[in-house]
N, C-alpha and C. Protein backbone atom coordinates (compact mmCIF):
# COMPACT_ATOMS: atom_id res chain seq x y z
N MET A 1 -20.01 17.04 4.01
CA MET A 1 -19.35 15.79 4.36
C MET A 1 -20.32 14.87 5.07
N ILE A 2 -20.26 13.59 4.72
CA ILE A 2 -21.08 12.62 5.42
C ILE A 2 -20.21 11.47 5.87
N TYR A 3 -20.70 10.71 6.83
CA TYR A 3 -20.01 9.52 7.27
C TYR A 3 -20.82 8.31 6.81
N LEU A 4 -20.16 7.36 6.15
CA LEU A 4 -20.86 6.22 5.60
C LEU A 4 -21.37 5.34 6.73
N SER A 5 -22.52 4.81 6.55
CA SER A 5 -23.19 4.06 7.61
C SER A 5 -22.58 2.69 7.80
N GLY A 6 -22.95 2.06 8.95
CA GLY A 6 -22.48 0.72 9.24
C GLY A 6 -22.96 -0.27 8.21
N LEU A 7 -24.10 0.02 7.55
CA LEU A 7 -24.60 -0.86 6.52
C LEU A 7 -23.62 -0.99 5.36
N VAL A 8 -22.93 0.12 5.05
CA VAL A 8 -21.95 0.10 3.97
C VAL A 8 -20.83 -0.87 4.31
N GLY A 9 -20.36 -0.81 5.56
CA GLY A 9 -19.30 -1.73 5.97
C GLY A 9 -19.73 -3.17 5.82
N PHE A 10 -20.99 -3.44 6.17
CA PHE A 10 -21.52 -4.79 6.04
C PHE A 10 -21.54 -5.22 4.57
N LEU A 11 -21.95 -4.31 3.70
CA LEU A 11 -22.00 -4.62 2.27
C LEU A 11 -20.61 -4.87 1.71
N LEU A 12 -19.62 -4.12 2.21
CA LEU A 12 -18.25 -4.33 1.77
C LEU A 12 -17.78 -5.73 2.09
N VAL A 13 -18.11 -6.20 3.27
CA VAL A 13 -17.72 -7.55 3.66
C VAL A 13 -18.35 -8.57 2.71
N LEU A 14 -19.62 -8.36 2.37
CA LEU A 14 -20.32 -9.30 1.50
C LEU A 14 -19.72 -9.34 0.10
N THR A 15 -19.21 -8.20 -0.38
CA THR A 15 -18.71 -8.14 -1.75
C THR A 15 -17.23 -8.47 -1.84
N THR A 16 -16.58 -8.72 -0.71
CA THR A 16 -15.15 -8.97 -0.69
C THR A 16 -14.84 -10.41 -1.08
N GLU A 17 -13.86 -10.59 -1.98
CA GLU A 17 -13.39 -11.91 -2.35
C GLU A 17 -11.88 -11.95 -2.12
N ALA A 18 -11.21 -12.93 -2.75
CA ALA A 18 -9.75 -13.00 -2.65
C ALA A 18 -9.16 -11.69 -3.15
N ARG A 19 -8.29 -11.08 -2.37
CA ARG A 19 -7.87 -9.72 -2.70
C ARG A 19 -6.49 -9.63 -3.31
N VAL A 20 -5.88 -10.76 -3.62
CA VAL A 20 -4.67 -10.78 -4.44
C VAL A 20 -5.07 -11.49 -5.72
N GLY A 21 -5.07 -10.75 -6.84
CA GLY A 21 -5.62 -11.37 -8.04
C GLY A 21 -5.11 -10.78 -9.32
N ASN A 22 -5.84 -11.02 -10.38
CA ASN A 22 -5.46 -10.66 -11.74
C ASN A 22 -5.23 -9.16 -11.88
N SER A 23 -4.07 -8.81 -12.37
CA SER A 23 -3.71 -7.39 -12.49
C SER A 23 -4.59 -6.65 -13.49
N SER A 24 -5.27 -7.38 -14.38
CA SER A 24 -6.12 -6.72 -15.37
C SER A 24 -7.30 -5.99 -14.74
N GLU A 25 -7.55 -6.26 -13.46
CA GLU A 25 -8.65 -5.59 -12.77
C GLU A 25 -8.29 -4.15 -12.38
N LEU A 26 -7.00 -3.80 -12.45
CA LEU A 26 -6.57 -2.44 -12.10
C LEU A 26 -5.84 -1.83 -13.28
N VAL A 27 -6.31 -0.70 -13.74
CA VAL A 27 -5.71 -0.04 -14.90
C VAL A 27 -4.26 0.33 -14.64
N PHE A 28 -3.95 0.76 -13.42
CA PHE A 28 -2.61 1.27 -13.13
C PHE A 28 -1.65 0.19 -12.62
N CYS A 29 -2.09 -1.07 -12.61
CA CYS A 29 -1.23 -2.17 -12.16
C CYS A 29 -1.07 -3.15 -13.30
N SER A 30 -0.08 -2.91 -14.16
CA SER A 30 0.02 -3.66 -15.41
C SER A 30 1.35 -4.37 -15.60
N GLU A 31 2.26 -4.28 -14.63
CA GLU A 31 3.60 -4.83 -14.83
C GLU A 31 3.81 -6.18 -14.15
N THR A 32 2.83 -6.65 -13.39
CA THR A 32 2.89 -7.97 -12.76
C THR A 32 1.59 -8.71 -13.03
N LYS A 33 1.63 -10.04 -12.91
CA LYS A 33 0.42 -10.83 -13.16
C LYS A 33 -0.62 -10.66 -12.06
N GLN A 34 -0.14 -10.48 -10.82
CA GLN A 34 -1.05 -10.34 -9.69
C GLN A 34 -0.82 -9.01 -8.98
N CYS A 35 -1.92 -8.44 -8.50
CA CYS A 35 -1.88 -7.17 -7.80
C CYS A 35 -2.77 -7.23 -6.57
N LEU A 36 -2.56 -6.28 -5.68
CA LEU A 36 -3.42 -6.15 -4.51
C LEU A 36 -4.72 -5.47 -4.94
N LEU A 37 -5.84 -6.18 -4.75
CA LEU A 37 -7.14 -5.66 -5.16
C LEU A 37 -7.87 -5.03 -3.98
N PHE A 38 -8.88 -4.24 -4.29
CA PHE A 38 -9.57 -3.50 -3.23
C PHE A 38 -11.00 -3.22 -3.64
N ASP A 39 -11.79 -2.80 -2.67
CA ASP A 39 -13.13 -2.29 -2.91
C ASP A 39 -13.08 -0.77 -2.80
N LYS A 40 -13.54 -0.10 -3.84
CA LYS A 40 -13.57 1.36 -3.82
C LYS A 40 -14.77 1.82 -2.99
N VAL A 41 -14.51 2.61 -1.96
CA VAL A 41 -15.58 3.09 -1.07
C VAL A 41 -16.16 4.39 -1.60
N CYS A 42 -15.31 5.36 -1.88
CA CYS A 42 -15.78 6.65 -2.38
C CYS A 42 -14.61 7.46 -2.89
N LYS A 43 -14.92 8.57 -3.52
CA LYS A 43 -13.87 9.42 -4.09
C LYS A 43 -14.30 10.87 -4.05
N THR A 44 -13.35 11.74 -3.72
CA THR A 44 -13.58 13.18 -3.78
C THR A 44 -12.58 13.77 -4.77
N ASP A 45 -12.55 15.08 -4.89
CA ASP A 45 -11.57 15.72 -5.78
C ASP A 45 -10.15 15.55 -5.27
N GLU A 46 -9.99 15.36 -3.96
CA GLU A 46 -8.65 15.30 -3.36
C GLU A 46 -8.15 13.90 -3.05
N TYR A 47 -9.06 12.96 -2.83
CA TYR A 47 -8.63 11.62 -2.43
C TYR A 47 -9.73 10.61 -2.69
N GLU A 48 -9.37 9.34 -2.57
CA GLU A 48 -10.38 8.28 -2.57
C GLU A 48 -10.17 7.40 -1.35
N ALA A 49 -11.22 6.69 -0.97
CA ALA A 49 -11.15 5.75 0.15
C ALA A 49 -11.32 4.35 -0.41
N ARG A 50 -10.48 3.42 0.06
CA ARG A 50 -10.52 2.04 -0.39
C ARG A 50 -10.55 1.09 0.81
N HIS A 51 -11.17 -0.05 0.61
CA HIS A 51 -11.15 -1.10 1.62
C HIS A 51 -10.26 -2.24 1.13
N TYR A 52 -9.29 -2.64 1.97
CA TYR A 52 -8.40 -3.75 1.68
C TYR A 52 -8.63 -4.87 2.69
N ASP A 53 -8.62 -6.10 2.21
CA ASP A 53 -8.69 -7.25 3.10
C ASP A 53 -7.33 -7.50 3.73
N SER A 54 -7.32 -8.32 4.79
CA SER A 54 -6.08 -8.76 5.41
C SER A 54 -5.31 -9.63 4.43
N VAL A 55 -4.03 -9.33 4.24
CA VAL A 55 -3.18 -10.11 3.34
C VAL A 55 -1.78 -10.28 3.94
N LYS A 56 -1.03 -11.24 3.38
CA LYS A 56 0.33 -11.51 3.85
C LYS A 56 1.36 -10.84 2.94
N TRP A 57 2.43 -10.38 3.56
CA TRP A 57 3.55 -9.72 2.88
C TRP A 57 4.85 -10.34 3.36
N VAL A 58 5.90 -10.21 2.55
CA VAL A 58 7.25 -10.46 3.04
C VAL A 58 7.88 -9.09 3.22
N SER A 59 8.48 -8.87 4.40
CA SER A 59 8.88 -7.52 4.78
C SER A 59 10.30 -7.49 5.35
N THR A 60 10.86 -6.31 5.37
CA THR A 60 12.14 -6.05 6.02
C THR A 60 12.15 -4.61 6.47
N GLU A 61 13.02 -4.30 7.42
CA GLU A 61 13.10 -2.94 7.95
C GLU A 61 14.48 -2.34 7.67
N GLU A 62 14.48 -1.04 7.46
CA GLU A 62 15.72 -0.34 7.20
C GLU A 62 15.68 1.03 7.85
N THR A 63 16.75 1.36 8.60
CA THR A 63 16.88 2.67 9.23
C THR A 63 17.66 3.59 8.30
N SER A 64 17.08 4.75 7.99
CA SER A 64 17.72 5.65 7.03
C SER A 64 17.21 7.07 7.20
N PHE A 65 17.96 8.02 6.66
CA PHE A 65 17.47 9.39 6.56
C PHE A 65 16.45 9.52 5.42
N PHE A 66 16.68 8.75 4.34
CA PHE A 66 15.94 8.97 3.11
C PHE A 66 15.17 7.73 2.67
N LEU A 67 13.99 7.96 2.16
CA LEU A 67 13.13 6.90 1.65
C LEU A 67 13.80 6.12 0.53
N GLU A 68 14.47 6.81 -0.39
CA GLU A 68 15.09 6.14 -1.53
C GLU A 68 16.14 5.11 -1.08
N ILE A 69 16.95 5.49 -0.09
CA ILE A 69 18.00 4.58 0.39
C ILE A 69 17.38 3.38 1.07
N ALA A 70 16.36 3.62 1.87
CA ALA A 70 15.68 2.52 2.57
C ALA A 70 15.08 1.54 1.55
N ILE A 71 14.43 2.06 0.52
CA ILE A 71 13.82 1.20 -0.49
C ILE A 71 14.89 0.39 -1.22
N MET A 72 15.99 1.03 -1.59
CA MET A 72 17.05 0.35 -2.33
C MET A 72 17.61 -0.83 -1.53
N LYS A 73 17.91 -0.61 -0.26
CA LYS A 73 18.49 -1.67 0.57
C LYS A 73 17.46 -2.76 0.88
N GLY A 74 16.25 -2.34 1.23
CA GLY A 74 15.21 -3.31 1.54
C GLY A 74 14.80 -4.12 0.33
N PHE A 75 14.74 -3.48 -0.83
CA PHE A 75 14.34 -4.16 -2.06
C PHE A 75 15.27 -5.33 -2.35
N ARG A 76 16.58 -5.13 -2.15
CA ARG A 76 17.55 -6.20 -2.44
C ARG A 76 17.27 -7.44 -1.59
N ARG A 77 17.01 -7.23 -0.29
CA ARG A 77 16.74 -8.37 0.59
C ARG A 77 15.48 -9.10 0.18
N LEU A 78 14.44 -8.35 -0.12
CA LEU A 78 13.17 -8.96 -0.49
C LEU A 78 13.25 -9.64 -1.85
N TYR A 79 14.02 -9.07 -2.76
CA TYR A 79 14.21 -9.69 -4.07
C TYR A 79 14.95 -11.02 -3.92
N ASP A 80 15.94 -11.05 -3.03
CA ASP A 80 16.64 -12.31 -2.75
C ASP A 80 15.66 -13.37 -2.26
N TYR A 81 14.72 -12.96 -1.40
CA TYR A 81 13.72 -13.90 -0.88
C TYR A 81 12.90 -14.51 -2.01
N ILE A 82 12.38 -13.68 -2.91
CA ILE A 82 11.49 -14.21 -3.95
C ILE A 82 12.26 -14.94 -5.05
N THR A 83 13.59 -14.79 -5.09
CA THR A 83 14.38 -15.51 -6.09
C THR A 83 15.09 -16.72 -5.50
N GLY A 84 14.72 -17.11 -4.27
CA GLY A 84 15.25 -18.37 -3.74
C GLY A 84 15.78 -18.36 -2.32
N ALA A 85 15.94 -17.19 -1.71
CA ALA A 85 16.46 -17.12 -0.34
C ALA A 85 15.34 -17.39 0.66
N ASN A 86 14.75 -18.58 0.54
CA ASN A 86 13.72 -19.05 1.46
C ASN A 86 13.96 -20.53 1.72
N VAL A 87 13.34 -21.07 2.75
CA VAL A 87 13.67 -22.44 3.17
C VAL A 87 13.37 -23.49 2.11
N ASN A 88 12.49 -23.20 1.19
CA ASN A 88 12.16 -24.14 0.12
C ASN A 88 12.96 -23.90 -1.15
N GLY A 89 13.72 -22.80 -1.16
CA GLY A 89 14.47 -22.44 -2.35
C GLY A 89 13.58 -22.13 -3.53
N GLU A 90 12.35 -21.71 -3.25
CA GLU A 90 11.37 -21.46 -4.31
C GLU A 90 11.55 -20.08 -4.93
N LYS A 91 11.24 -20.01 -6.22
CA LYS A 91 11.20 -18.73 -6.91
C LYS A 91 9.74 -18.28 -6.94
N ILE A 92 9.51 -17.08 -6.46
CA ILE A 92 8.16 -16.54 -6.29
C ILE A 92 8.00 -15.33 -7.20
N GLU A 93 6.89 -15.28 -7.93
CA GLU A 93 6.69 -14.17 -8.86
C GLU A 93 6.50 -12.84 -8.15
N MET A 94 7.02 -11.80 -8.76
CA MET A 94 6.85 -10.44 -8.25
C MET A 94 5.40 -10.03 -8.42
N THR A 95 4.90 -9.29 -7.45
CA THR A 95 3.55 -8.72 -7.50
C THR A 95 3.65 -7.21 -7.34
N ALA A 96 2.52 -6.55 -7.31
CA ALA A 96 2.48 -5.11 -7.05
C ALA A 96 1.28 -4.81 -6.15
N PRO A 97 1.37 -3.77 -5.36
CA PRO A 97 2.46 -2.81 -5.28
C PRO A 97 3.54 -3.20 -4.27
N VAL A 98 4.64 -2.46 -4.31
CA VAL A 98 5.60 -2.45 -3.21
C VAL A 98 5.14 -1.37 -2.25
N VAL A 99 5.03 -1.73 -0.97
CA VAL A 99 4.49 -0.80 0.02
C VAL A 99 5.55 -0.53 1.09
N VAL A 100 5.72 0.73 1.42
CA VAL A 100 6.69 1.13 2.43
C VAL A 100 5.98 1.91 3.53
N LYS A 101 6.12 1.45 4.76
CA LYS A 101 5.60 2.19 5.90
C LYS A 101 6.61 3.28 6.25
N VAL A 102 6.18 4.53 6.13
CA VAL A 102 7.07 5.69 6.28
C VAL A 102 6.79 6.38 7.60
N PRO A 103 7.80 6.51 8.46
CA PRO A 103 7.59 7.21 9.73
C PRO A 103 7.44 8.71 9.53
N ASP A 104 6.65 9.34 10.37
CA ASP A 104 6.49 10.79 10.34
C ASP A 104 7.70 11.41 11.01
N LYS A 105 8.56 12.07 10.24
CA LYS A 105 9.81 12.61 10.79
C LYS A 105 10.26 13.80 9.95
N TYR A 106 11.24 14.54 10.50
CA TYR A 106 11.87 15.62 9.74
C TYR A 106 12.95 15.04 8.82
N PHE A 107 13.30 15.79 7.77
CA PHE A 107 14.30 15.32 6.81
C PHE A 107 15.64 14.99 7.47
N TRP A 108 16.00 15.73 8.52
CA TRP A 108 17.31 15.53 9.15
C TRP A 108 17.31 14.42 10.19
N GLU A 109 16.21 13.76 10.38
CA GLU A 109 16.12 12.65 11.34
C GLU A 109 16.14 11.31 10.61
N THR A 110 16.72 10.31 11.26
CA THR A 110 16.60 8.96 10.73
C THR A 110 15.27 8.36 11.15
N GLY A 111 14.83 7.38 10.43
CA GLY A 111 13.59 6.69 10.77
C GLY A 111 13.64 5.25 10.32
N VAL A 112 12.79 4.43 10.88
CA VAL A 112 12.71 3.02 10.51
C VAL A 112 11.62 2.85 9.46
N TYR A 113 12.02 2.43 8.28
CA TYR A 113 11.10 2.18 7.17
C TYR A 113 10.85 0.67 7.06
N THR A 114 9.60 0.28 6.85
CA THR A 114 9.26 -1.12 6.62
C THR A 114 8.88 -1.30 5.16
N ILE A 115 9.70 -2.07 4.44
CA ILE A 115 9.49 -2.29 3.01
C ILE A 115 8.86 -3.66 2.83
N SER A 116 7.81 -3.76 2.01
CA SER A 116 7.06 -5.00 1.88
C SER A 116 6.73 -5.34 0.44
N PHE A 117 6.91 -6.63 0.09
CA PHE A 117 6.43 -7.19 -1.17
C PHE A 117 5.16 -7.98 -0.86
N LEU A 118 4.14 -7.80 -1.66
CA LEU A 118 2.91 -8.58 -1.54
C LEU A 118 3.17 -10.01 -2.00
N LEU A 119 2.73 -11.00 -1.21
CA LEU A 119 2.88 -12.39 -1.61
C LEU A 119 1.76 -12.78 -2.59
N PRO A 120 2.07 -13.54 -3.64
CA PRO A 120 1.04 -13.97 -4.60
C PRO A 120 -0.05 -14.80 -3.91
N ALA A 121 -1.17 -14.93 -4.58
CA ALA A 121 -2.33 -15.62 -4.01
C ALA A 121 -1.99 -17.04 -3.56
N GLU A 122 -1.17 -17.74 -4.35
CA GLU A 122 -0.86 -19.13 -4.03
C GLU A 122 0.06 -19.27 -2.81
N TYR A 123 0.64 -18.16 -2.35
CA TYR A 123 1.51 -18.18 -1.18
C TYR A 123 0.88 -17.46 0.02
N GLN A 124 -0.36 -17.04 -0.11
CA GLN A 124 -1.00 -16.30 0.97
C GLN A 124 -1.22 -17.16 2.22
N LYS A 125 -1.53 -18.44 2.04
CA LYS A 125 -1.82 -19.28 3.21
C LYS A 125 -0.57 -19.80 3.88
N ASN A 126 0.42 -20.21 3.09
CA ASN A 126 1.59 -20.87 3.67
C ASN A 126 2.87 -20.48 2.93
N PRO A 127 3.33 -19.25 3.10
CA PRO A 127 4.55 -18.83 2.41
C PRO A 127 5.78 -19.47 3.03
N PRO A 128 6.83 -19.75 2.25
CA PRO A 128 8.06 -20.30 2.82
C PRO A 128 8.78 -19.27 3.69
N SER A 129 9.40 -19.74 4.75
CA SER A 129 10.11 -18.84 5.67
C SER A 129 11.37 -18.30 5.02
N PRO A 130 11.71 -17.04 5.28
CA PRO A 130 12.95 -16.47 4.75
C PRO A 130 14.18 -17.09 5.41
N THR A 131 15.29 -17.11 4.71
CA THR A 131 16.55 -17.58 5.29
C THR A 131 17.36 -16.42 5.88
N ASN A 132 17.05 -15.20 5.50
CA ASN A 132 17.70 -14.01 6.05
C ASN A 132 16.92 -13.57 7.28
N ASN A 133 17.60 -13.44 8.43
CA ASN A 133 16.88 -13.08 9.65
C ASN A 133 16.40 -11.64 9.68
N LYS A 134 16.74 -10.85 8.66
CA LYS A 134 16.22 -9.49 8.56
C LYS A 134 14.93 -9.43 7.74
N VAL A 135 14.51 -10.58 7.23
CA VAL A 135 13.31 -10.67 6.40
C VAL A 135 12.28 -11.52 7.14
N TYR A 136 11.02 -11.11 7.10
CA TYR A 136 9.99 -11.84 7.83
C TYR A 136 8.65 -11.75 7.10
N ILE A 137 7.74 -12.65 7.45
CA ILE A 137 6.39 -12.67 6.90
C ILE A 137 5.47 -11.94 7.88
N ARG A 138 4.58 -11.10 7.36
CA ARG A 138 3.66 -10.39 8.24
C ARG A 138 2.29 -10.26 7.57
N ASN A 139 1.30 -10.04 8.40
CA ASN A 139 -0.07 -9.79 7.93
C ASN A 139 -0.42 -8.33 8.13
N THR A 140 -1.10 -7.75 7.17
CA THR A 140 -1.76 -6.47 7.43
C THR A 140 -3.23 -6.78 7.70
N PRO A 141 -3.84 -6.07 8.63
CA PRO A 141 -5.24 -6.35 8.96
C PRO A 141 -6.18 -5.78 7.90
N ASP A 142 -7.41 -6.20 7.98
CA ASP A 142 -8.48 -5.55 7.23
C ASP A 142 -8.40 -4.05 7.47
N MET A 143 -8.40 -3.23 6.44
CA MET A 143 -8.29 -1.79 6.69
C MET A 143 -8.90 -0.98 5.57
N THR A 144 -9.31 0.23 5.92
CA THR A 144 -9.73 1.22 4.95
C THR A 144 -8.68 2.31 4.93
N VAL A 145 -8.28 2.72 3.74
CA VAL A 145 -7.24 3.74 3.62
C VAL A 145 -7.72 4.89 2.74
N TYR A 146 -7.20 6.07 3.05
CA TYR A 146 -7.37 7.23 2.19
C TYR A 146 -6.18 7.28 1.25
N VAL A 147 -6.44 7.54 -0.03
CA VAL A 147 -5.41 7.43 -1.06
C VAL A 147 -5.33 8.70 -1.90
N GLN A 148 -4.10 9.15 -2.14
CA GLN A 148 -3.87 10.18 -3.14
C GLN A 148 -2.78 9.67 -4.07
N SER A 149 -3.02 9.75 -5.37
CA SER A 149 -2.11 9.20 -6.38
C SER A 149 -1.29 10.31 -7.04
N TYR A 150 -0.13 9.91 -7.55
CA TYR A 150 0.69 10.86 -8.31
C TYR A 150 1.61 10.08 -9.25
N GLY A 151 2.12 10.76 -10.26
CA GLY A 151 3.02 10.14 -11.23
C GLY A 151 4.48 10.40 -10.91
N GLY A 152 5.34 10.09 -11.87
CA GLY A 152 6.76 10.33 -11.68
C GLY A 152 7.41 9.30 -10.78
N TRP A 153 8.44 9.75 -10.08
CA TRP A 153 9.25 8.84 -9.26
C TRP A 153 8.88 8.95 -7.79
N LEU A 154 8.94 7.82 -7.12
CA LEU A 154 8.68 7.78 -5.69
C LEU A 154 9.98 8.15 -4.97
N THR A 155 10.03 9.35 -4.43
CA THR A 155 11.21 9.86 -3.75
C THR A 155 10.82 10.44 -2.39
N THR A 156 11.81 10.78 -1.60
CA THR A 156 11.54 11.40 -0.31
C THR A 156 10.69 12.65 -0.48
N VAL A 157 11.06 13.48 -1.46
CA VAL A 157 10.37 14.76 -1.66
C VAL A 157 8.96 14.56 -2.21
N SER A 158 8.82 13.73 -3.26
CA SER A 158 7.49 13.53 -3.86
C SER A 158 6.54 12.87 -2.88
N ASP A 159 7.06 11.91 -2.11
CA ASP A 159 6.22 11.24 -1.12
C ASP A 159 5.80 12.20 -0.01
N LYS A 160 6.74 13.00 0.47
CA LYS A 160 6.43 13.95 1.54
C LYS A 160 5.42 14.99 1.08
N ASN A 161 5.62 15.52 -0.13
CA ASN A 161 4.68 16.53 -0.64
C ASN A 161 3.28 15.97 -0.80
N THR A 162 3.17 14.74 -1.30
CA THR A 162 1.85 14.13 -1.48
C THR A 162 1.22 13.79 -0.14
N ALA A 163 2.03 13.31 0.80
CA ALA A 163 1.50 13.02 2.14
C ALA A 163 0.98 14.29 2.80
N ASN A 164 1.69 15.39 2.65
CA ASN A 164 1.23 16.67 3.21
C ASN A 164 -0.07 17.12 2.55
N SER A 165 -0.16 16.94 1.23
CA SER A 165 -1.37 17.32 0.50
C SER A 165 -2.56 16.49 0.96
N LEU A 166 -2.36 15.18 1.10
CA LEU A 166 -3.45 14.31 1.52
C LEU A 166 -3.87 14.60 2.96
N SER A 167 -2.91 14.75 3.85
CA SER A 167 -3.26 15.01 5.26
C SER A 167 -3.99 16.33 5.41
N SER A 168 -3.61 17.34 4.62
CA SER A 168 -4.30 18.63 4.66
C SER A 168 -5.75 18.48 4.21
N ALA A 169 -5.95 17.71 3.13
CA ALA A 169 -7.32 17.49 2.64
C ALA A 169 -8.15 16.73 3.66
N LEU A 170 -7.56 15.76 4.32
CA LEU A 170 -8.28 14.98 5.33
C LEU A 170 -8.60 15.83 6.56
N ASP A 171 -7.65 16.68 6.95
CA ASP A 171 -7.88 17.55 8.11
C ASP A 171 -9.02 18.54 7.83
N GLN A 172 -9.12 18.99 6.60
CA GLN A 172 -10.17 19.96 6.26
C GLN A 172 -11.56 19.34 6.35
N THR A 173 -11.64 18.01 6.17
CA THR A 173 -12.94 17.34 6.26
C THR A 173 -13.13 16.67 7.62
N ASN A 174 -12.18 16.94 8.54
CA ASN A 174 -12.24 16.33 9.88
C ASN A 174 -12.25 14.81 9.85
N ALA A 175 -11.58 14.25 8.87
CA ALA A 175 -11.47 12.79 8.78
C ALA A 175 -10.57 12.28 9.91
N ASP A 176 -10.92 11.14 10.44
CA ASP A 176 -10.18 10.52 11.53
C ASP A 176 -9.26 9.46 10.93
N TYR A 177 -7.93 9.69 11.03
CA TYR A 177 -6.98 8.75 10.45
C TYR A 177 -5.76 8.61 11.35
N LYS A 178 -5.01 7.52 11.17
CA LYS A 178 -3.86 7.26 12.03
C LYS A 178 -2.73 8.23 11.72
N LYS A 179 -2.18 8.80 12.78
CA LYS A 179 -1.07 9.75 12.65
C LYS A 179 0.25 9.03 12.98
N GLY A 180 1.35 9.67 12.63
CA GLY A 180 2.66 9.15 12.97
C GLY A 180 3.33 8.35 11.86
N PHE A 181 2.57 7.95 10.86
CA PHE A 181 3.13 7.22 9.72
C PHE A 181 2.14 7.27 8.56
N HIS A 182 2.63 6.93 7.40
CA HIS A 182 1.79 6.70 6.24
C HIS A 182 2.45 5.64 5.39
N TYR A 183 1.79 5.22 4.33
CA TYR A 183 2.37 4.24 3.42
C TYR A 183 2.71 4.90 2.09
N ALA A 184 3.93 4.65 1.63
CA ALA A 184 4.35 5.04 0.28
C ALA A 184 4.20 3.81 -0.60
N VAL A 185 3.53 3.95 -1.73
CA VAL A 185 3.12 2.80 -2.51
C VAL A 185 3.54 2.99 -3.96
N GLY A 186 4.27 2.00 -4.51
CA GLY A 186 4.73 2.09 -5.88
C GLY A 186 4.32 0.88 -6.69
N TYR A 187 3.94 1.10 -7.94
CA TYR A 187 3.44 0.03 -8.80
C TYR A 187 4.37 -0.31 -9.96
N ASN A 188 5.50 0.35 -10.07
CA ASN A 188 6.32 0.19 -11.28
C ASN A 188 7.72 -0.31 -10.99
N SER A 189 8.27 -1.00 -11.98
CA SER A 189 9.66 -1.42 -11.95
C SER A 189 10.56 -0.18 -12.04
N PRO A 190 11.77 -0.24 -11.46
CA PRO A 190 12.71 0.88 -11.62
C PRO A 190 13.06 1.14 -13.09
N MET A 191 12.83 0.15 -13.95
CA MET A 191 13.15 0.31 -15.37
C MET A 191 12.08 1.09 -16.13
N THR A 192 10.92 1.26 -15.52
CA THR A 192 9.83 2.00 -16.18
C THR A 192 10.11 3.50 -16.10
N ILE A 193 10.13 4.16 -17.21
CA ILE A 193 10.50 5.58 -17.25
C ILE A 193 9.28 6.50 -17.25
N ILE A 194 8.24 6.15 -18.00
CA ILE A 194 7.06 7.02 -18.12
C ILE A 194 5.82 6.29 -17.63
N TYR A 195 4.75 7.05 -17.46
CA TYR A 195 3.45 6.53 -17.01
C TYR A 195 3.57 5.74 -15.70
N ARG A 196 4.34 6.29 -14.79
CA ARG A 196 4.49 5.66 -13.49
C ARG A 196 3.31 6.02 -12.59
N HIS A 197 3.00 5.13 -11.65
CA HIS A 197 1.88 5.36 -10.73
C HIS A 197 2.32 5.08 -9.30
N ASN A 198 2.19 6.12 -8.47
CA ASN A 198 2.53 6.01 -7.05
C ASN A 198 1.35 6.50 -6.22
N GLU A 199 1.34 6.11 -4.95
CA GLU A 199 0.26 6.53 -4.05
C GLU A 199 0.79 6.79 -2.65
N VAL A 200 0.02 7.57 -1.92
CA VAL A 200 0.19 7.72 -0.47
C VAL A 200 -1.08 7.22 0.18
N TRP A 201 -0.92 6.42 1.24
CA TRP A 201 -2.07 5.92 2.01
C TRP A 201 -2.00 6.40 3.45
N PHE A 202 -3.13 6.85 3.97
CA PHE A 202 -3.32 7.02 5.42
C PHE A 202 -4.43 6.06 5.83
N VAL A 203 -4.23 5.39 6.96
CA VAL A 203 -5.20 4.40 7.44
C VAL A 203 -6.34 5.10 8.18
N ALA A 204 -7.56 4.85 7.75
CA ALA A 204 -8.74 5.45 8.38
C ALA A 204 -8.96 4.84 9.76
N GLU A 205 -9.30 5.68 10.74
CA GLU A 205 -9.59 5.23 12.10
C GLU A 205 -11.07 4.93 12.29
N ASP A 206 -11.90 5.48 11.43
CA ASP A 206 -13.34 5.34 11.56
C ASP A 206 -13.93 5.16 10.17
N GLU A 207 -15.23 5.16 10.07
CA GLU A 207 -15.85 5.10 8.75
C GLU A 207 -15.38 6.28 7.92
N PRO A 208 -15.05 6.04 6.65
CA PRO A 208 -14.41 7.09 5.85
C PRO A 208 -15.29 8.31 5.61
N ALA A 209 -14.65 9.45 5.58
CA ALA A 209 -15.33 10.73 5.35
C ALA A 209 -15.23 11.10 3.88
N CYS A 210 -16.38 11.35 3.26
CA CYS A 210 -16.42 11.74 1.85
C CYS A 210 -17.46 12.84 1.68
N SER A 211 -17.42 13.51 0.55
CA SER A 211 -18.38 14.57 0.31
C SER A 211 -19.76 13.99 0.12
N SER A 212 -20.78 14.77 0.40
CA SER A 212 -22.16 14.31 0.30
C SER A 212 -22.58 14.01 -1.12
N SER A 213 -21.83 14.52 -2.11
CA SER A 213 -22.21 14.31 -3.51
C SER A 213 -21.59 13.03 -4.08
N GLU A 214 -20.78 12.38 -3.27
CA GLU A 214 -20.06 11.23 -3.80
C GLU A 214 -20.88 9.94 -3.64
N GLU A 215 -20.87 9.11 -4.68
CA GLU A 215 -21.59 7.85 -4.62
C GLU A 215 -20.61 6.71 -4.39
N LEU A 216 -21.10 5.63 -3.80
CA LEU A 216 -20.29 4.44 -3.59
C LEU A 216 -20.05 3.73 -4.92
N ASN A 217 -18.84 3.16 -5.05
CA ASN A 217 -18.52 2.33 -6.21
C ASN A 217 -17.86 1.07 -5.70
N PHE A 218 -18.48 -0.05 -5.89
CA PHE A 218 -17.90 -1.30 -5.45
C PHE A 218 -17.06 -1.89 -6.58
N GLY A 219 -15.95 -2.49 -6.19
CA GLY A 219 -15.04 -3.10 -7.14
C GLY A 219 -13.91 -2.15 -7.46
N PRO A 220 -12.72 -2.69 -7.84
CA PRO A 220 -11.54 -1.85 -8.12
C PRO A 220 -11.77 -0.91 -9.28
């Protein structure tokens, strides 16, 4: 295992451009015109590390036992926002992915889930305010995340199993990452039945840890 040098971080900044862009740049993001783009830092057999720029989202929170219920209720509010429930009455195109901040909890406990839609590039600077007081605009900071991908449906069980798999892999390499939550990430419409793509993200606390045999790859 090696830790990438500060020079790599500097190079990432230099190669970073607008990070909400053409979906054709990502093989697994094909159902919307715009997707959240990233710089690929490195990849191992168990996970990859990506750098994301600061971007704006429209978000809502939902308290629930289960991820599926939280997503269903939150999705409705956010969909209302992009179809006109904003101060300008504007219709805003759907983007990908949908990102959910998932609290670290037991199945029998309730938790507060934050469900977010990525705002398109043209709304990144000045998005219209929501009319629903449960919906708000927020920024995520510049961040590096560890990612593990999986297919099928994004559910409480599939998300938990993948999060456990990723955290175990990170712990084995002594990677430093934020505890207490992770992000559940989905790229597909509920109408998509096959070839679905989901991810789990943990936010890196330090320069990402990767195997010594791994090379850097810039660009999505």
